[in-house]
Amino acid sequence: MTKIPTLADKALIQALAEALLREAEKLGVVVTIERQPCAPLAMGNHQPVICVWPHRKEQA
């Protein structure tokens, strides 16, 4: 049986995600985490997709 996340669990995951983004920024990369729908498109059938690529520097 899947555990129902508590507010503390959600806060921990949020803090970890923010730390990941800060570290990625230091390293000069961009990170995105998205949900990609899977067939059949019902009952929350999706999977996470994580992409990491170099940060595009702004041209002056």
N, C-alpha and C. Protein backbone atom coordinates (compact mmCIF):
# COMPACT_ATOMS: atom_id res chain seq x y z
N MET A 1 0.84 -1.18 0.00
CA MET A 1 0.00 0.00 0.00
C MET A 1 0.89 1.25 0.00
N THR A 2 0.55 2.23 -0.79
CA THR A 2 1.30 3.46 -0.91
C THR A 2 1.01 4.37 0.28
N LYS A 3 2.07 4.92 0.85
CA LYS A 3 1.93 5.85 1.98
C LYS A 3 1.41 7.19 1.46
N ILE A 4 0.48 7.78 2.18
CA ILE A 4 -0.01 9.10 1.83
C ILE A 4 1.00 10.12 2.36
N PRO A 5 1.53 10.97 1.47
CA PRO A 5 2.54 11.93 1.92
C PRO A 5 1.95 12.96 2.88
N THR A 6 2.73 13.28 3.90
CA THR A 6 2.33 14.30 4.86
C THR A 6 2.83 15.66 4.39
N LEU A 7 2.42 16.71 5.08
CA LEU A 7 2.92 18.04 4.76
C LEU A 7 4.43 18.10 4.96
N ALA A 8 4.94 17.39 5.96
CA ALA A 8 6.39 17.36 6.20
C ALA A 8 7.11 16.67 5.04
N ASP A 9 6.53 15.58 4.52
CA ASP A 9 7.12 14.90 3.36
C ASP A 9 7.17 15.84 2.16
N LYS A 10 6.08 16.54 1.92
CA LYS A 10 6.01 17.46 0.78
C LYS A 10 7.01 18.60 0.95
N ALA A 11 7.15 19.11 2.16
CA ALA A 11 8.11 20.18 2.42
C ALA A 11 9.53 19.70 2.20
N LEU A 12 9.83 18.47 2.60
CA LEU A 12 11.17 17.90 2.38
C LEU A 12 11.47 17.78 0.90
N ILE A 13 10.54 17.25 0.12
CA ILE A 13 10.74 17.10 -1.31
C ILE A 13 10.91 18.46 -1.97
N GLN A 14 10.12 19.45 -1.56
CA GLN A 14 10.23 20.80 -2.09
C GLN A 14 11.62 21.37 -1.80
N ALA A 15 12.11 21.19 -0.57
CA ALA A 15 13.43 21.70 -0.20
C ALA A 15 14.53 21.01 -0.99
N LEU A 16 14.41 19.70 -1.19
CA LEU A 16 15.40 18.96 -1.98
C LEU A 16 15.40 19.42 -3.44
N ALA A 17 14.22 19.65 -3.98
CA ALA A 17 14.13 20.11 -5.38
C ALA A 17 14.76 21.50 -5.52
N GLU A 18 14.51 22.37 -4.57
CA GLU A 18 15.10 23.70 -4.62
C GLU A 18 16.62 23.63 -4.50
N ALA A 19 17.12 22.74 -3.65
CA ALA A 19 18.57 22.56 -3.51
C ALA A 19 19.16 22.02 -4.82
N LEU A 20 18.46 21.10 -5.48
CA LEU A 20 18.90 20.58 -6.76
C LEU A 20 19.02 21.69 -7.79
N LEU A 21 18.02 22.56 -7.84
CA LEU A 21 18.04 23.66 -8.81
C LEU A 21 19.17 24.65 -8.52
N ARG A 22 19.42 24.92 -7.25
CA ARG A 22 20.54 25.81 -6.89
C ARG A 22 21.87 25.20 -7.32
N GLU A 23 22.05 23.91 -7.08
CA GLU A 23 23.29 23.23 -7.46
C GLU A 23 23.44 23.20 -8.98
N ALA A 24 22.34 22.95 -9.68
CA ALA A 24 22.38 22.95 -11.15
C ALA A 24 22.78 24.32 -11.67
N GLU A 25 22.26 25.37 -11.07
CA GLU A 25 22.60 26.72 -11.50
C GLU A 25 24.09 26.99 -11.30
N LYS A 26 24.64 26.54 -10.17
CA LYS A 26 26.08 26.69 -9.91
C LYS A 26 26.92 25.99 -10.97
N LEU A 27 26.43 24.84 -11.43
CA LEU A 27 27.16 24.04 -12.41
C LEU A 27 26.90 24.49 -13.85
N GLY A 28 25.96 25.43 -14.03
CA GLY A 28 25.67 25.94 -15.35
C GLY A 28 24.78 25.04 -16.19
N VAL A 29 23.88 24.32 -15.52
CA VAL A 29 22.94 23.48 -16.25
C VAL A 29 21.51 23.82 -15.84
N VAL A 30 20.57 23.44 -16.68
CA VAL A 30 19.15 23.63 -16.43
C VAL A 30 18.53 22.26 -16.20
N VAL A 31 17.65 22.18 -15.22
CA VAL A 31 16.97 20.93 -14.91
C VAL A 31 15.47 21.18 -14.97
N THR A 32 14.74 20.30 -15.63
CA THR A 32 13.28 20.34 -15.60
C THR A 32 12.76 18.97 -15.22
N ILE A 33 11.67 18.96 -14.49
CA ILE A 33 10.98 17.72 -14.15
C ILE A 33 9.53 17.92 -14.56
N GLU A 34 9.07 17.07 -15.45
CA GLU A 34 7.71 17.18 -15.97
C GLU A 34 7.00 15.84 -15.85
N ARG A 35 5.69 15.89 -15.96
CA ARG A 35 4.91 14.66 -16.01
C ARG A 35 4.49 14.42 -17.45
N GLN A 36 4.79 13.23 -17.95
CA GLN A 36 4.41 12.87 -19.31
C GLN A 36 3.26 11.87 -19.24
N PRO A 37 2.15 12.17 -19.90
CA PRO A 37 1.03 11.23 -19.88
C PRO A 37 1.38 9.94 -20.62
N CYS A 38 0.84 8.86 -20.12
CA CYS A 38 1.03 7.54 -20.74
C CYS A 38 -0.34 6.97 -21.10
N ALA A 39 -0.35 6.14 -22.12
CA ALA A 39 -1.60 5.49 -22.51
C ALA A 39 -1.87 4.33 -21.57
N PRO A 40 -3.08 4.10 -21.17
CA PRO A 40 -4.27 4.91 -21.44
C PRO A 40 -4.26 6.17 -20.59
N LEU A 41 -4.87 7.23 -21.12
CA LEU A 41 -4.86 8.53 -20.47
C LEU A 41 -5.94 8.64 -19.40
N ALA A 42 -5.89 7.76 -18.44
CA ALA A 42 -6.89 7.78 -17.38
C ALA A 42 -6.23 7.47 -16.04
N MET A 43 -6.91 7.86 -15.01
CA MET A 43 -6.50 7.52 -13.65
C MET A 43 -5.08 7.95 -13.31
N GLY A 44 -4.66 9.11 -13.81
CA GLY A 44 -3.35 9.64 -13.45
C GLY A 44 -2.20 8.82 -13.99
N ASN A 45 -2.39 8.17 -15.11
CA ASN A 45 -1.34 7.34 -15.70
C ASN A 45 -0.29 8.25 -16.35
N HIS A 46 0.82 8.46 -15.64
CA HIS A 46 1.88 9.33 -16.14
C HIS A 46 3.22 8.85 -15.59
N GLN A 47 4.29 9.38 -16.17
CA GLN A 47 5.63 9.06 -15.67
C GLN A 47 6.43 10.36 -15.64
N PRO A 48 7.37 10.45 -14.69
CA PRO A 48 8.20 11.65 -14.64
C PRO A 48 9.26 11.63 -15.75
N VAL A 49 9.52 12.81 -16.29
CA VAL A 49 10.57 12.97 -17.30
C VAL A 49 11.50 14.06 -16.78
N ILE A 50 12.77 13.73 -16.63
CA ILE A 50 13.76 14.66 -16.12
C ILE A 50 14.74 14.98 -17.24
N CYS A 51 14.93 16.28 -17.50
CA CYS A 51 15.86 16.72 -18.54
C CYS A 51 16.92 17.62 -17.91
N VAL A 52 18.15 17.44 -18.36
CA VAL A 52 19.26 18.27 -17.90
C VAL A 52 20.05 18.67 -19.13
N TRP A 53 20.31 19.97 -19.27
CA TRP A 53 21.09 20.43 -20.41
C TRP A 53 21.85 21.68 -20.00
N PRO A 54 22.90 22.04 -20.77
CA PRO A 54 23.69 23.23 -20.44
C PRO A 54 22.84 24.50 -20.50
N HIS A 55 23.09 25.39 -19.57
CA HIS A 55 22.40 26.68 -19.55
C HIS A 55 22.90 27.52 -20.71
N ARG A 56 21.98 28.09 -21.45
CA ARG A 56 22.36 28.95 -22.56
C ARG A 56 22.68 30.33 -22.00
N LYS A 57 23.91 30.75 -22.18
CA LYS A 57 24.35 32.04 -21.66
C LYS A 57 23.74 33.15 -22.49
N GLU A 58 23.31 34.22 -21.80
CA GLU A 58 22.76 35.37 -22.52
C GLU A 58 23.89 36.10 -23.24
N GLN A 59 23.62 36.49 -24.46
CA GLN A 59 24.62 37.18 -25.25
C GLN A 59 24.53 38.67 -24.97
N ALA A 60 25.67 39.31 -24.68
CA ALA A 60 25.67 40.74 -24.35
C ALA A 60 25.87 41.57 -25.60
